[in-house]
Amino acid sequence: MKEYYIYIMSSNNKNSIYIGVTNDLERRIYEHKNKLVKGFTQKYNCVNLVYYETHNQIVDAIYREKQLKNWNRIWKNQLIEKENPNWLDLSKDWE
């Protein structure tokens, strides 16, 4: 069964966050960290994986991504802090 991921990347100072969806979380995070992805994460240095969820259906993952993107920043911060109170980089040992 295929898995899909919703993920949140954060800048070191936590001022900027990025929400994305992918079917290969490790590859996608590698791309963000190594600035292979042009755009928001590169511009705002969002290099820390601070939150992710797994879904079995792409439609569910896309729905959740859109839902989270529409949340206000306080709700997003609370979601991150519920699972990762110190905003640690969850991918730091993946390399």
N, C-alpha and C. Protein backbone atom coordinates (compact mmCIF):
# COMPACT_ATOMS: atom_id res chain seq x y z
N MET A 1 0.84 -1.19 0.00
CA MET A 1 0.00 0.00 0.00
C MET A 1 0.89 1.25 0.00
N LYS A 2 0.58 2.17 -0.84
CA LYS A 2 1.33 3.42 -0.97
C LYS A 2 0.99 4.34 0.21
N GLU A 3 1.98 5.12 0.62
CA GLU A 3 1.76 6.10 1.67
C GLU A 3 2.03 7.49 1.13
N TYR A 4 1.30 8.46 1.67
CA TYR A 4 1.44 9.86 1.30
C TYR A 4 1.63 10.65 2.59
N TYR A 5 2.38 11.70 2.51
CA TYR A 5 2.75 12.45 3.70
C TYR A 5 2.40 13.92 3.57
N ILE A 6 1.87 14.47 4.65
CA ILE A 6 1.74 15.91 4.83
C ILE A 6 2.90 16.28 5.74
N TYR A 7 3.62 17.32 5.42
CA TYR A 7 4.76 17.68 6.25
C TYR A 7 4.83 19.18 6.43
N ILE A 8 5.47 19.57 7.53
CA ILE A 8 5.69 20.99 7.81
C ILE A 8 7.18 21.20 8.02
N MET A 9 7.73 22.12 7.25
CA MET A 9 9.12 22.54 7.38
C MET A 9 9.14 23.90 8.07
N SER A 10 10.18 24.13 8.86
CA SER A 10 10.31 25.39 9.58
C SER A 10 11.71 25.97 9.38
N SER A 11 11.76 27.29 9.41
CA SER A 11 13.07 27.95 9.43
C SER A 11 13.66 27.80 10.84
N ASN A 12 14.95 28.04 10.97
CA ASN A 12 15.60 27.88 12.27
C ASN A 12 15.00 28.78 13.34
N ASN A 13 14.57 29.98 12.96
CA ASN A 13 14.01 30.92 13.93
C ASN A 13 12.49 30.75 14.11
N LYS A 14 11.90 29.79 13.42
CA LYS A 14 10.47 29.46 13.50
C LYS A 14 9.56 30.55 12.92
N ASN A 15 10.13 31.56 12.28
CA ASN A 15 9.31 32.62 11.72
C ASN A 15 8.55 32.18 10.48
N SER A 16 9.11 31.24 9.75
CA SER A 16 8.49 30.78 8.50
C SER A 16 8.25 29.29 8.57
N ILE A 17 7.08 28.88 8.08
CA ILE A 17 6.80 27.45 7.95
C ILE A 17 6.23 27.18 6.56
N TYR A 18 6.44 25.97 6.11
CA TYR A 18 5.96 25.54 4.80
C TYR A 18 5.23 24.22 4.97
N ILE A 19 4.08 24.07 4.34
CA ILE A 19 3.31 22.83 4.39
C ILE A 19 3.29 22.23 3.00
N GLY A 20 3.62 20.95 2.92
CA GLY A 20 3.64 20.28 1.63
C GLY A 20 3.09 18.86 1.72
N VAL A 21 2.99 18.22 0.56
CA VAL A 21 2.53 16.84 0.46
C VAL A 21 3.47 16.10 -0.48
N THR A 22 3.74 14.83 -0.18
CA THR A 22 4.65 14.03 -1.00
C THR A 22 4.35 12.55 -0.81
N ASN A 23 4.85 11.74 -1.74
CA ASN A 23 4.74 10.29 -1.59
C ASN A 23 6.08 9.68 -1.17
N ASP A 24 7.11 10.51 -1.02
CA ASP A 24 8.44 10.06 -0.59
C ASP A 24 9.02 11.13 0.33
N LEU A 25 8.76 10.99 1.60
CA LEU A 25 9.11 12.03 2.57
C LEU A 25 10.62 12.24 2.67
N GLU A 26 11.39 11.18 2.75
CA GLU A 26 12.84 11.33 2.89
C GLU A 26 13.45 12.05 1.68
N ARG A 27 13.03 11.68 0.47
CA ARG A 27 13.54 12.34 -0.73
C ARG A 27 13.17 13.81 -0.74
N ARG A 28 11.93 14.10 -0.40
CA ARG A 28 11.45 15.48 -0.46
C ARG A 28 12.16 16.36 0.57
N ILE A 29 12.38 15.84 1.77
CA ILE A 29 13.08 16.60 2.79
C ILE A 29 14.52 16.84 2.37
N TYR A 30 15.15 15.82 1.79
CA TYR A 30 16.51 15.97 1.26
C TYR A 30 16.55 17.11 0.25
N GLU A 31 15.58 17.17 -0.64
CA GLU A 31 15.52 18.23 -1.65
C GLU A 31 15.42 19.61 -1.00
N HIS A 32 14.56 19.72 0.03
CA HIS A 32 14.42 21.01 0.72
C HIS A 32 15.73 21.39 1.42
N LYS A 33 16.31 20.47 2.16
CA LYS A 33 17.51 20.76 2.93
C LYS A 33 18.69 21.14 2.05
N ASN A 34 18.76 20.56 0.87
CA ASN A 34 19.87 20.82 -0.02
C ASN A 34 19.55 21.89 -1.07
N LYS A 35 18.46 22.59 -0.83
CA LYS A 35 18.05 23.73 -1.67
C LYS A 35 17.89 23.34 -3.14
N LEU A 36 17.42 22.12 -3.37
CA LEU A 36 17.16 21.65 -4.72
C LEU A 36 15.78 22.07 -5.20
N VAL A 37 14.96 22.55 -4.28
CA VAL A 37 13.60 22.99 -4.58
C VAL A 37 13.58 24.51 -4.58
N LYS A 38 13.38 25.09 -5.73
CA LYS A 38 13.30 26.55 -5.80
C LYS A 38 11.94 26.98 -5.26
N GLY A 39 11.92 28.11 -4.57
CA GLY A 39 10.65 28.61 -4.08
C GLY A 39 10.70 28.99 -2.62
N PHE A 40 9.59 28.81 -1.94
CA PHE A 40 9.41 29.30 -0.58
C PHE A 40 10.43 28.73 0.40
N THR A 41 10.61 27.41 0.40
CA THR A 41 11.51 26.83 1.40
C THR A 41 12.95 27.29 1.20
N GLN A 42 13.34 27.46 -0.04
CA GLN A 42 14.69 27.94 -0.32
C GLN A 42 14.82 29.41 0.10
N LYS A 43 13.86 30.22 -0.27
CA LYS A 43 13.89 31.65 0.02
C LYS A 43 13.89 31.94 1.52
N TYR A 44 13.08 31.19 2.27
CA TYR A 44 12.93 31.45 3.71
C TYR A 44 13.68 30.45 4.58
N ASN A 45 14.55 29.65 3.95
CA ASN A 45 15.42 28.72 4.66
C ASN A 45 14.64 27.77 5.58
N CYS A 46 13.58 27.21 5.08
CA CYS A 46 12.79 26.22 5.84
C CYS A 46 13.46 24.86 5.66
N VAL A 47 14.31 24.51 6.60
CA VAL A 47 15.13 23.31 6.47
C VAL A 47 14.89 22.28 7.58
N ASN A 48 13.99 22.55 8.50
CA ASN A 48 13.73 21.64 9.61
C ASN A 48 12.36 20.99 9.45
N LEU A 49 12.34 19.67 9.42
CA LEU A 49 11.08 18.94 9.41
C LEU A 49 10.56 18.91 10.84
N VAL A 50 9.46 19.61 11.09
CA VAL A 50 8.96 19.71 12.47
C VAL A 50 7.67 18.94 12.70
N TYR A 51 7.04 18.47 11.61
CA TYR A 51 5.77 17.75 11.76
C TYR A 51 5.49 16.98 10.48
N TYR A 52 4.89 15.78 10.62
CA TYR A 52 4.37 15.09 9.45
C TYR A 52 3.28 14.11 9.85
N GLU A 53 2.45 13.81 8.89
CA GLU A 53 1.36 12.84 9.03
C GLU A 53 1.42 11.88 7.84
N THR A 54 0.92 10.68 8.05
CA THR A 54 0.88 9.68 6.99
C THR A 54 -0.58 9.42 6.61
N HIS A 55 -0.82 9.31 5.30
CA HIS A 55 -2.16 9.00 4.78
C HIS A 55 -2.04 7.88 3.75
N ASN A 56 -3.08 7.08 3.62
CA ASN A 56 -3.09 5.97 2.66
C ASN A 56 -3.61 6.36 1.29
N GLN A 57 -4.35 7.45 1.22
CA GLN A 57 -4.95 7.90 -0.04
C GLN A 57 -4.46 9.30 -0.37
N ILE A 58 -4.08 9.51 -1.62
CA ILE A 58 -3.59 10.83 -2.03
C ILE A 58 -4.66 11.90 -1.87
N VAL A 59 -5.91 11.55 -2.12
CA VAL A 59 -6.98 12.55 -1.98
C VAL A 59 -7.10 13.00 -0.53
N ASP A 60 -6.90 12.09 0.42
CA ASP A 60 -6.94 12.46 1.84
C ASP A 60 -5.76 13.36 2.20
N ALA A 61 -4.61 13.04 1.64
CA ALA A 61 -3.41 13.85 1.92
C ALA A 61 -3.56 15.26 1.37
N ILE A 62 -4.05 15.36 0.16
CA ILE A 62 -4.24 16.69 -0.46
C ILE A 62 -5.30 17.49 0.29
N TYR A 63 -6.37 16.82 0.69
CA TYR A 63 -7.42 17.49 1.47
C TYR A 63 -6.83 18.05 2.77
N ARG A 64 -6.04 17.23 3.46
CA ARG A 64 -5.45 17.65 4.74
C ARG A 64 -4.46 18.79 4.53
N GLU A 65 -3.66 18.72 3.47
CA GLU A 65 -2.72 19.80 3.16
C GLU A 65 -3.46 21.12 2.99
N LYS A 66 -4.53 21.10 2.20
CA LYS A 66 -5.30 22.33 1.98
C LYS A 66 -5.93 22.82 3.27
N GLN A 67 -6.41 21.87 4.08
CA GLN A 67 -7.01 22.25 5.36
C GLN A 67 -5.98 22.96 6.24
N LEU A 68 -4.79 22.39 6.38
CA LEU A 68 -3.75 22.99 7.22
C LEU A 68 -3.29 24.34 6.68
N LYS A 69 -3.20 24.47 5.38
CA LYS A 69 -2.77 25.74 4.80
C LYS A 69 -3.78 26.85 5.09
N ASN A 70 -5.03 26.49 5.29
CA ASN A 70 -6.06 27.49 5.61
C ASN A 70 -6.15 27.82 7.09
N TRP A 71 -5.48 27.07 7.93
CA TRP A 71 -5.48 27.35 9.36
C TRP A 71 -4.71 28.63 9.64
N ASN A 72 -5.04 29.28 10.77
CA ASN A 72 -4.24 30.43 11.19
C ASN A 72 -2.93 29.93 11.82
N ARG A 73 -1.98 30.81 11.95
CA ARG A 73 -0.64 30.41 12.41
C ARG A 73 -0.66 29.84 13.82
N ILE A 74 -1.51 30.35 14.69
CA ILE A 74 -1.58 29.84 16.06
C ILE A 74 -1.97 28.37 16.05
N TRP A 75 -2.96 27.99 15.25
CA TRP A 75 -3.39 26.58 15.16
C TRP A 75 -2.27 25.70 14.63
N LYS A 76 -1.54 26.20 13.62
CA LYS A 76 -0.43 25.44 13.05
C LYS A 76 0.65 25.22 14.11
N ASN A 77 0.98 26.28 14.85
CA ASN A 77 1.98 26.15 15.92
C ASN A 77 1.54 25.15 16.97
N GLN A 78 0.26 25.18 17.33
CA GLN A 78 -0.26 24.25 18.33
C GLN A 78 -0.19 22.80 17.83
N LEU A 79 -0.47 22.59 16.56
CA LEU A 79 -0.38 21.25 15.98
C LEU A 79 1.06 20.74 16.06
N ILE A 80 2.00 21.57 15.68
CA ILE A 80 3.41 21.18 15.76
C ILE A 80 3.81 20.89 17.20
N GLU A 81 3.47 21.78 18.10
CA GLU A 81 3.90 21.67 19.50
C GLU A 81 3.24 20.53 20.24
N LYS A 82 2.08 20.08 19.77
CA LYS A 82 1.43 18.92 20.40
C LYS A 82 2.30 17.67 20.22
N GLU A 83 2.90 17.51 19.06
CA GLU A 83 3.73 16.34 18.77
C GLU A 83 5.22 16.60 18.94
N ASN A 84 5.63 17.84 18.80
CA ASN A 84 7.06 18.19 18.79
C ASN A 84 7.24 19.52 19.53
N PRO A 85 7.11 19.52 20.85
CA PRO A 85 7.10 20.77 21.63
C PRO A 85 8.34 21.63 21.47
N ASN A 86 9.47 21.04 21.16
CA ASN A 86 10.71 21.81 21.04
C ASN A 86 11.08 22.12 19.59
N TRP A 87 10.18 21.83 18.68
CA TRP A 87 10.39 22.10 17.26
C TRP A 87 11.70 21.48 16.78
N LEU A 88 11.98 20.26 17.21
CA LEU A 88 13.19 19.56 16.79
C LEU A 88 13.07 19.15 15.33
N ASP A 89 14.21 19.05 14.65
CA ASP A 89 14.22 18.57 13.29
C ASP A 89 14.07 17.06 13.30
N LEU A 90 12.91 16.58 12.90
CA LEU A 90 12.59 15.15 12.94
C LEU A 90 13.39 14.34 11.93
N SER A 91 14.06 15.01 11.02
CA SER A 91 14.82 14.31 9.99
C SER A 91 16.33 14.38 10.21
N LYS A 92 16.76 14.88 11.34
CA LYS A 92 18.21 15.13 11.53
C LYS A 92 19.05 13.87 11.43
N ASP A 93 18.50 12.71 11.72
CA ASP A 93 19.27 11.46 11.66
C ASP A 93 19.05 10.67 10.38
N TRP A 94 18.40 11.25 9.40
CA TRP A 94 18.08 10.53 8.17
C TRP A 94 19.23 10.46 7.19
N GLU A 95 20.21 11.29 7.32
CA GLU A 95 21.27 11.38 6.30
C GLU A 95 22.21 10.22 6.33
